[in-house]
Amino acid sequence: MKKDRQNYYFIVVNKTGGLQFFSQLKEQYREDQDKITTNQVLQASSIFYAIDHLTQTIIPEAIYKVEQDKDKDFERDNAIDLLITENYMVSTLKTLTGLRFLVISNKNLEVPKKHEDNVQKMRQIYRLYTDYFSKDPFQSDDQPLGEKKRTQFDRDVRELLDF
């Protein structure tokens, strides 16, 4: 029996708000909707970055705290962790290096459990990301990912996100 694929998109936004990586995990998730374009993903990632950055700056300083996560690789600050709309949810993970990982999924009744599952998977993906790109001396933080590594990384992301 084939799993119901609930994750639609995986996006990596760099520390300056630029699109670093994008994977469309499900080709078509509604009959009446076309495939998302790269331009739409660029716009969405830029808007998310701006909103996320604004939420961090408008929180009063008295309640603003940066807590270290258990793994010490991830930051729990006043950034957006979970965004829920009528039909979708966006689970996010912000690393200490400023990368933001986003998984866009369908919204179901088990939002907290699904969000935690997505966060755990994004932590694994971050470790893969560092293996593929951060350890490469010829790869800079804001540089687009090379085709060969990007293809391998995409395959591993799909595998982790149950595709």
N, C-alpha and C. Protein backbone atom coordinates (compact mmCIF):
# COMPACT_ATOMS: atom_id res chain seq x y z
N MET A 1 0.84 -1.18 0.00
CA MET A 1 0.00 0.00 0.00
C MET A 1 0.89 1.25 0.00
N LYS A 2 0.60 2.17 -0.88
CA LYS A 2 1.40 3.38 -1.02
C LYS A 2 1.02 4.41 0.03
N LYS A 3 2.01 5.08 0.60
CA LYS A 3 1.75 6.10 1.61
C LYS A 3 1.07 7.31 0.98
N ASP A 4 0.20 7.95 1.77
CA ASP A 4 -0.39 9.21 1.33
C ASP A 4 0.67 10.29 1.51
N ARG A 5 1.08 10.87 0.45
CA ARG A 5 2.15 11.87 0.51
C ARG A 5 1.59 13.19 0.99
N GLN A 6 2.02 13.59 2.16
CA GLN A 6 1.47 14.79 2.76
C GLN A 6 2.40 15.99 2.68
N ASN A 7 3.65 15.79 2.34
CA ASN A 7 4.59 16.90 2.18
C ASN A 7 4.63 17.30 0.71
N TYR A 8 4.46 18.60 0.46
CA TYR A 8 4.38 19.07 -0.92
C TYR A 8 5.67 19.70 -1.42
N TYR A 9 6.30 20.53 -0.57
CA TYR A 9 7.49 21.27 -0.99
C TYR A 9 8.52 21.28 0.13
N PHE A 10 9.79 21.30 -0.26
CA PHE A 10 10.88 21.50 0.69
C PHE A 10 11.71 22.66 0.16
N ILE A 11 11.98 23.64 1.02
CA ILE A 11 12.68 24.86 0.61
C ILE A 11 13.78 25.17 1.63
N VAL A 12 14.94 25.60 1.11
CA VAL A 12 16.02 26.10 1.97
C VAL A 12 16.23 27.56 1.61
N VAL A 13 16.12 28.44 2.61
CA VAL A 13 16.33 29.88 2.44
C VAL A 13 17.62 30.24 3.16
N ASN A 14 18.52 30.94 2.48
CA ASN A 14 19.80 31.29 3.12
C ASN A 14 19.64 32.46 4.09
N LYS A 15 20.72 32.82 4.74
CA LYS A 15 20.65 33.83 5.81
C LYS A 15 20.32 35.23 5.33
N THR A 16 20.40 35.47 4.02
CA THR A 16 20.04 36.79 3.48
C THR A 16 18.67 36.77 2.81
N GLY A 17 17.95 35.64 2.90
CA GLY A 17 16.61 35.56 2.34
C GLY A 17 16.54 35.01 0.93
N GLY A 18 17.66 34.62 0.37
CA GLY A 18 17.67 34.07 -0.98
C GLY A 18 17.33 32.58 -1.00
N LEU A 19 16.76 32.16 -2.09
CA LEU A 19 16.41 30.75 -2.26
C LEU A 19 17.68 29.96 -2.50
N GLN A 20 17.97 29.00 -1.63
CA GLN A 20 19.17 28.18 -1.74
C GLN A 20 18.86 26.84 -2.41
N PHE A 21 17.69 26.27 -2.11
CA PHE A 21 17.32 24.96 -2.65
C PHE A 21 15.81 24.83 -2.61
N PHE A 22 15.25 24.13 -3.61
CA PHE A 22 13.81 23.92 -3.68
C PHE A 22 13.55 22.55 -4.28
N SER A 23 12.62 21.83 -3.68
CA SER A 23 12.21 20.54 -4.22
C SER A 23 10.70 20.44 -4.16
N GLN A 24 10.09 20.19 -5.31
CA GLN A 24 8.64 19.96 -5.35
C GLN A 24 8.45 18.47 -5.15
N LEU A 25 7.97 18.10 -3.97
CA LEU A 25 7.89 16.71 -3.58
C LEU A 25 6.71 15.98 -4.19
N LYS A 26 5.68 16.71 -4.48
CA LYS A 26 4.49 16.10 -5.07
C LYS A 26 4.14 16.89 -6.31
N GLU A 27 4.09 16.24 -7.44
CA GLU A 27 3.91 16.95 -8.71
C GLU A 27 2.64 17.78 -8.77
N GLN A 28 1.53 17.20 -8.37
CA GLN A 28 0.27 17.94 -8.43
C GLN A 28 -0.55 17.50 -7.24
N TYR A 29 -0.88 18.42 -6.38
CA TYR A 29 -1.59 18.02 -5.19
C TYR A 29 -3.08 18.35 -5.23
N ARG A 30 -3.50 19.16 -6.17
CA ARG A 30 -4.93 19.40 -6.39
C ARG A 30 -5.16 19.42 -7.89
N GLU A 31 -6.27 18.91 -8.30
CA GLU A 31 -6.59 18.84 -9.73
C GLU A 31 -6.63 20.21 -10.39
N ASP A 32 -7.08 21.23 -9.67
CA ASP A 32 -7.27 22.55 -10.26
C ASP A 32 -6.05 23.46 -10.15
N GLN A 33 -4.92 22.93 -9.71
CA GLN A 33 -3.74 23.77 -9.52
C GLN A 33 -2.58 23.30 -10.38
N ASP A 34 -1.94 24.25 -11.04
CA ASP A 34 -0.79 23.95 -11.88
C ASP A 34 0.46 23.79 -11.04
N LYS A 35 1.51 23.29 -11.68
CA LYS A 35 2.80 23.15 -11.01
C LYS A 35 3.33 24.53 -10.64
N ILE A 36 3.89 24.63 -9.47
CA ILE A 36 4.43 25.91 -9.00
C ILE A 36 5.71 26.22 -9.79
N THR A 37 5.89 27.49 -10.10
CA THR A 37 7.06 27.90 -10.88
C THR A 37 8.19 28.31 -9.94
N THR A 38 9.39 28.36 -10.46
CA THR A 38 10.55 28.78 -9.67
C THR A 38 10.37 30.22 -9.21
N ASN A 39 9.80 31.06 -10.06
CA ASN A 39 9.57 32.46 -9.70
C ASN A 39 8.62 32.56 -8.50
N GLN A 40 7.58 31.73 -8.47
CA GLN A 40 6.65 31.73 -7.34
C GLN A 40 7.36 31.28 -6.06
N VAL A 41 8.26 30.33 -6.18
CA VAL A 41 9.01 29.86 -5.01
C VAL A 41 9.94 30.96 -4.52
N LEU A 42 10.61 31.67 -5.45
CA LEU A 42 11.47 32.80 -5.07
C LEU A 42 10.67 33.86 -4.32
N GLN A 43 9.49 34.19 -4.83
CA GLN A 43 8.64 35.18 -4.18
C GLN A 43 8.21 34.71 -2.79
N ALA A 44 7.76 33.46 -2.70
CA ALA A 44 7.28 32.93 -1.42
C ALA A 44 8.40 32.87 -0.39
N SER A 45 9.59 32.43 -0.80
CA SER A 45 10.70 32.35 0.15
C SER A 45 11.13 33.74 0.61
N SER A 46 11.12 34.71 -0.28
CA SER A 46 11.47 36.09 0.09
C SER A 46 10.44 36.67 1.05
N ILE A 47 9.17 36.42 0.79
CA ILE A 47 8.11 36.92 1.67
C ILE A 47 8.21 36.25 3.04
N PHE A 48 8.43 34.94 3.04
CA PHE A 48 8.57 34.24 4.33
C PHE A 48 9.74 34.80 5.12
N TYR A 49 10.86 35.02 4.45
CA TYR A 49 12.04 35.56 5.13
C TYR A 49 11.72 36.92 5.75
N ALA A 50 11.06 37.78 4.99
CA ALA A 50 10.72 39.12 5.48
C ALA A 50 9.79 39.05 6.69
N ILE A 51 8.77 38.21 6.62
CA ILE A 51 7.83 38.07 7.74
C ILE A 51 8.55 37.49 8.95
N ASP A 52 9.37 36.49 8.73
CA ASP A 52 10.11 35.86 9.81
C ASP A 52 11.04 36.87 10.48
N HIS A 53 11.72 37.66 9.67
CA HIS A 53 12.63 38.67 10.21
C HIS A 53 11.86 39.73 11.00
N LEU A 54 10.72 40.15 10.48
CA LEU A 54 9.91 41.15 11.18
C LEU A 54 9.41 40.63 12.52
N THR A 55 9.00 39.36 12.59
CA THR A 55 8.52 38.81 13.86
C THR A 55 9.63 38.84 14.91
N GLN A 56 10.85 38.68 14.49
CA GLN A 56 11.97 38.71 15.43
C GLN A 56 12.27 40.12 15.93
N THR A 57 11.98 41.13 15.10
CA THR A 57 12.31 42.50 15.48
C THR A 57 11.18 43.19 16.24
N ILE A 58 9.94 42.73 16.12
CA ILE A 58 8.84 43.43 16.80
C ILE A 58 8.53 42.86 18.18
N ILE A 59 9.13 41.74 18.54
CA ILE A 59 8.91 41.16 19.86
C ILE A 59 9.60 42.04 20.89
N PRO A 60 8.90 42.43 21.96
CA PRO A 60 9.56 43.26 23.00
C PRO A 60 10.79 42.57 23.56
N GLU A 61 11.82 43.36 23.84
CA GLU A 61 13.09 42.81 24.29
C GLU A 61 12.97 42.06 25.61
N ALA A 62 12.01 42.45 26.45
CA ALA A 62 11.85 41.80 27.75
C ALA A 62 11.49 40.32 27.62
N ILE A 63 10.79 39.94 26.56
CA ILE A 63 10.41 38.53 26.42
C ILE A 63 11.22 37.81 25.34
N TYR A 64 12.15 38.52 24.73
CA TYR A 64 12.97 37.92 23.68
C TYR A 64 14.13 37.15 24.30
N LYS A 65 14.14 35.86 24.08
CA LYS A 65 15.22 35.01 24.58
C LYS A 65 15.63 34.06 23.47
N VAL A 66 16.88 33.78 23.38
CA VAL A 66 17.36 32.77 22.46
C VAL A 66 17.69 31.54 23.30
N GLU A 67 16.98 30.48 23.04
CA GLU A 67 17.23 29.24 23.77
C GLU A 67 17.96 28.28 22.85
N GLN A 68 18.97 27.64 23.37
CA GLN A 68 19.67 26.63 22.60
C GLN A 68 18.86 25.35 22.60
N ASP A 69 18.73 24.74 21.46
CA ASP A 69 18.06 23.46 21.35
C ASP A 69 18.99 22.38 21.88
N LYS A 70 18.47 21.19 22.07
CA LYS A 70 19.26 20.08 22.61
C LYS A 70 20.48 19.78 21.75
N ASP A 71 20.32 19.87 20.45
CA ASP A 71 21.39 19.51 19.54
C ASP A 71 22.47 20.58 19.40
N LYS A 72 22.22 21.78 19.86
CA LYS A 72 23.16 22.90 19.77
C LYS A 72 23.44 23.36 18.33
N ASP A 73 22.74 22.75 17.36
CA ASP A 73 22.90 23.17 15.97
C ASP A 73 21.76 24.07 15.53
N PHE A 74 20.72 24.16 16.33
CA PHE A 74 19.51 24.85 15.92
C PHE A 74 19.15 25.91 16.94
N GLU A 75 18.47 26.91 16.46
CA GLU A 75 18.14 28.07 17.27
C GLU A 75 16.64 28.10 17.52
N ARG A 76 16.26 28.29 18.76
CA ARG A 76 14.85 28.51 19.10
C ARG A 76 14.76 29.95 19.56
N ASP A 77 14.44 30.84 18.63
CA ASP A 77 14.25 32.23 19.02
C ASP A 77 12.82 32.60 18.66
N ASN A 78 12.56 33.84 18.48
CA ASN A 78 11.20 34.26 18.17
C ASN A 78 10.90 34.17 16.68
N ALA A 79 11.62 33.33 15.99
CA ALA A 79 11.34 33.10 14.57
C ALA A 79 10.08 32.25 14.45
N ILE A 80 9.54 32.21 13.26
CA ILE A 80 8.34 31.41 13.01
C ILE A 80 8.73 29.94 12.97
N ASP A 81 8.10 29.13 13.80
CA ASP A 81 8.33 27.68 13.80
C ASP A 81 7.27 26.95 12.98
N LEU A 82 6.03 27.43 13.07
CA LEU A 82 4.92 26.76 12.41
C LEU A 82 3.94 27.81 11.93
N LEU A 83 3.56 27.71 10.69
CA LEU A 83 2.58 28.62 10.10
C LEU A 83 1.44 27.76 9.57
N ILE A 84 0.23 28.03 10.03
CA ILE A 84 -0.92 27.22 9.64
C ILE A 84 -1.92 28.09 8.89
N THR A 85 -2.33 27.61 7.71
CA THR A 85 -3.38 28.27 6.95
C THR A 85 -4.59 27.34 6.91
N GLU A 86 -5.57 27.71 6.14
CA GLU A 86 -6.79 26.90 6.05
C GLU A 86 -6.51 25.49 5.51
N ASN A 87 -5.61 25.38 4.54
CA ASN A 87 -5.36 24.09 3.91
C ASN A 87 -3.96 23.54 4.11
N TYR A 88 -3.01 24.37 4.50
CA TYR A 88 -1.62 23.96 4.55
C TYR A 88 -0.99 24.32 5.89
N MET A 89 0.16 23.70 6.13
CA MET A 89 0.99 24.10 7.26
C MET A 89 2.42 24.18 6.76
N VAL A 90 3.17 25.13 7.31
CA VAL A 90 4.57 25.31 6.97
C VAL A 90 5.38 25.09 8.24
N SER A 91 6.13 24.00 8.27
CA SER A 91 7.03 23.71 9.39
C SER A 91 8.39 24.29 9.04
N THR A 92 9.00 24.98 9.99
CA THR A 92 10.29 25.61 9.71
C THR A 92 11.32 25.22 10.76
N LEU A 93 12.56 25.32 10.35
CA LEU A 93 13.68 25.08 11.25
C LEU A 93 14.76 26.09 10.90
N LYS A 94 15.22 26.84 11.90
CA LYS A 94 16.28 27.83 11.67
C LYS A 94 17.55 27.31 12.31
N THR A 95 18.63 27.30 11.54
CA THR A 95 19.91 26.82 12.05
C THR A 95 20.69 27.99 12.64
N LEU A 96 21.74 27.70 13.37
CA LEU A 96 22.58 28.76 13.94
C LEU A 96 23.31 29.54 12.87
N THR A 97 23.48 28.95 11.69
CA THR A 97 24.15 29.65 10.59
C THR A 97 23.19 30.54 9.80
N GLY A 98 21.91 30.56 10.19
CA GLY A 98 20.94 31.43 9.53
C GLY A 98 20.13 30.78 8.43
N LEU A 99 20.42 29.55 8.10
CA LEU A 99 19.60 28.85 7.10
C LEU A 99 18.23 28.56 7.67
N ARG A 100 17.22 28.65 6.81
CA ARG A 100 15.87 28.29 7.22
C ARG A 100 15.39 27.15 6.31
N PHE A 101 14.97 26.07 6.93
CA PHE A 101 14.43 24.93 6.21
C PHE A 101 12.91 24.97 6.36
N LEU A 102 12.20 24.82 5.25
CA LEU A 102 10.74 24.86 5.27
C LEU A 102 10.19 23.60 4.61
N VAL A 103 9.19 23.01 5.23
CA VAL A 103 8.44 21.91 4.62
C VAL A 103 6.99 22.35 4.58
N ILE A 104 6.43 22.41 3.39
CA ILE A 104 5.02 22.77 3.22
C ILE A 104 4.24 21.48 3.08
N SER A 105 3.25 21.30 3.96
CA SER A 105 2.48 20.05 4.02
C SER A 105 1.00 20.37 4.02
N ASN A 106 0.19 19.30 3.86
CA ASN A 106 -1.24 19.50 4.03
C ASN A 106 -1.53 19.60 5.52
N LYS A 107 -2.59 20.30 5.83
CA LYS A 107 -2.98 20.43 7.24
C LYS A 107 -3.90 19.27 7.57
N ASN A 108 -3.58 18.56 8.63
CA ASN A 108 -4.46 17.49 9.06
C ASN A 108 -4.77 17.67 10.54
N LEU A 109 -5.50 16.73 11.11
CA LEU A 109 -5.92 16.86 12.51
C LEU A 109 -4.77 16.73 13.49
N GLU A 110 -3.68 16.13 13.08
CA GLU A 110 -2.55 15.90 13.97
C GLU A 110 -1.43 16.90 13.70
N VAL A 111 -1.75 18.18 13.68
CA VAL A 111 -0.76 19.21 13.34
C VAL A 111 0.47 19.17 14.25
N PRO A 112 0.32 19.11 15.59
CA PRO A 112 1.54 19.10 16.42
C PRO A 112 2.44 17.90 16.14
N LYS A 113 1.86 16.73 15.97
CA LYS A 113 2.67 15.53 15.69
C LYS A 113 3.34 15.65 14.32
N LYS A 114 2.59 16.08 13.32
CA LYS A 114 3.15 16.24 11.97
C LYS A 114 4.27 17.28 11.98
N HIS A 115 4.06 18.37 12.71
CA HIS A 115 5.09 19.41 12.79
C HIS A 115 6.36 18.86 13.43
N GLU A 116 6.24 18.14 14.53
CA GLU A 116 7.41 17.56 15.19
C GLU A 116 8.12 16.56 14.29
N ASP A 117 7.34 15.75 13.55
CA ASP A 117 7.94 14.81 12.59
C ASP A 117 8.74 15.57 11.54
N ASN A 118 8.15 16.65 11.01
CA ASN A 118 8.83 17.45 9.99
C ASN A 118 10.10 18.09 10.54
N VAL A 119 10.05 18.57 11.78
CA VAL A 119 11.23 19.19 12.39
C VAL A 119 12.34 18.16 12.55
N GLN A 120 12.01 16.97 13.01
CA GLN A 120 13.01 15.91 13.15
C GLN A 120 13.63 15.57 11.80
N LYS A 121 12.81 15.50 10.76
CA LYS A 121 13.32 15.20 9.42
C LYS A 121 14.20 16.33 8.90
N MET A 122 13.81 17.58 9.20
CA MET A 122 14.62 18.71 8.76
C MET A 122 15.97 18.73 9.47
N ARG A 123 16.02 18.28 10.70
CA ARG A 123 17.30 18.17 11.41
C ARG A 123 18.21 17.17 10.71
N GLN A 124 17.64 16.06 10.27
CA GLN A 124 18.42 15.07 9.53
C GLN A 124 18.86 15.65 8.19
N ILE A 125 17.96 16.39 7.54
CA ILE A 125 18.29 17.01 6.25
C ILE A 125 19.41 18.04 6.43
N TYR A 126 19.39 18.79 7.53
CA TYR A 126 20.45 19.76 7.79
C TYR A 126 21.80 19.06 7.89
N ARG A 127 21.84 17.93 8.53
CA ARG A 127 23.10 17.18 8.63
C ARG A 127 23.55 16.74 7.24
N LEU A 128 22.61 16.30 6.40
CA LEU A 128 22.95 15.96 5.02
C LEU A 128 23.46 17.20 4.28
N TYR A 129 22.77 18.32 4.48
CA TYR A 129 23.14 19.57 3.83
C TYR A 129 24.59 19.94 4.15
N THR A 130 24.95 19.82 5.43
CA THR A 130 26.33 20.15 5.80
C THR A 130 27.32 19.18 5.17
N ASP A 131 26.95 17.92 5.06
CA ASP A 131 27.83 16.94 4.41
C ASP A 131 28.01 17.26 2.93
N TYR A 132 26.93 17.63 2.25
CA TYR A 132 27.00 17.90 0.81
C TYR A 132 27.64 19.24 0.48
N PHE A 133 27.31 20.29 1.24
CA PHE A 133 27.66 21.64 0.80
C PHE A 133 28.59 22.40 1.73
N SER A 134 28.38 22.33 3.01
CA SER A 134 29.17 23.14 3.93
C SER A 134 30.62 22.68 4.05
N LYS A 135 30.85 21.41 3.82
CA LYS A 135 32.21 20.89 3.93
C LYS A 135 33.00 21.03 2.63
N ASP A 136 32.36 21.57 1.60
CA ASP A 136 33.01 21.78 0.31
C ASP A 136 33.72 23.14 0.35
N PRO A 137 35.05 23.17 0.23
CA PRO A 137 35.77 24.45 0.33
C PRO A 137 35.49 25.39 -0.85
N PHE A 138 34.93 24.86 -1.93
CA PHE A 138 34.66 25.69 -3.10
C PHE A 138 33.22 26.20 -3.11
N GLN A 139 32.44 25.86 -2.11
CA GLN A 139 31.04 26.27 -2.02
C GLN A 139 30.91 27.38 -1.00
N SER A 140 30.43 28.55 -1.44
CA SER A 140 30.18 29.64 -0.48
C SER A 140 28.72 29.59 -0.04
N ASP A 141 28.42 30.26 1.07
CA ASP A 141 27.09 30.18 1.67
C ASP A 141 25.97 30.63 0.74
N ASP A 142 26.19 31.69 0.00
CA ASP A 142 25.12 32.25 -0.83
C ASP A 142 25.19 31.81 -2.29
N GLN A 143 26.08 30.94 -2.60
CA GLN A 143 26.26 30.45 -3.96
C GLN A 143 25.22 29.36 -4.26
N PRO A 144 24.63 29.36 -5.45
CA PRO A 144 23.70 28.27 -5.82
C PRO A 144 24.41 26.92 -5.78
N LEU A 145 23.67 25.91 -5.44
CA LEU A 145 24.23 24.57 -5.31
C LEU A 145 24.51 23.97 -6.68
N GLY A 146 25.62 23.25 -6.80
CA GLY A 146 25.99 22.62 -8.06
C GLY A 146 25.00 21.54 -8.47
N GLU A 147 24.88 21.32 -9.77
CA GLU A 147 23.87 20.41 -10.32
C GLU A 147 24.01 18.98 -9.80
N LYS A 148 25.22 18.44 -9.81
CA LYS A 148 25.41 17.04 -9.40
C LYS A 148 25.07 16.85 -7.92
N LYS A 149 25.60 17.72 -7.09
CA LYS A 149 25.31 17.62 -5.66
C LYS A 149 23.84 17.92 -5.37
N ARG A 150 23.28 18.87 -6.09
CA ARG A 150 21.87 19.21 -5.90
C ARG A 150 20.97 18.03 -6.21
N THR A 151 21.28 17.30 -7.27
CA THR A 151 20.49 16.12 -7.65
C THR A 151 20.59 15.04 -6.59
N GLN A 152 21.79 14.80 -6.09
CA GLN A 152 21.97 13.80 -5.03
C GLN A 152 21.27 14.23 -3.74
N PHE A 153 21.39 15.49 -3.41
CA PHE A 153 20.75 16.01 -2.21
C PHE A 153 19.23 15.91 -2.33
N ASP A 154 18.69 16.24 -3.49
CA ASP A 154 17.24 16.16 -3.73
C ASP A 154 16.76 14.72 -3.53
N ARG A 155 17.52 13.78 -4.04
CA ARG A 155 17.15 12.36 -3.89
C ARG A 155 17.11 11.98 -2.41
N ASP A 156 18.10 12.41 -1.65
CA ASP A 156 18.14 12.09 -0.22
C ASP A 156 17.02 12.79 0.56
N VAL A 157 16.70 14.03 0.17
CA VAL A 157 15.60 14.76 0.81
C VAL A 157 14.29 14.03 0.58
N ARG A 158 14.05 13.63 -0.66
CA ARG A 158 12.82 12.89 -0.97
C ARG A 158 12.72 11.60 -0.19
N GLU A 159 13.84 10.93 -0.02
CA GLU A 159 13.86 9.69 0.74
C GLU A 159 13.51 9.96 2.21
N LEU A 160 14.10 11.01 2.78
CA LEU A 160 13.81 11.33 4.17
C LEU A 160 12.38 11.78 4.38
N LEU A 161 11.83 12.50 3.42
CA LEU A 161 10.46 13.00 3.55
C LEU A 161 9.44 12.00 2.99
N ASP A 162 9.83 10.74 2.93
CA ASP A 162 8.93 9.63 2.55
C ASP A 162 8.45 9.66 1.11
N PHE A 163 9.35 9.96 0.19
CA PHE A 163 8.98 9.91 -1.21
C PHE A 163 9.89 8.91 -1.89
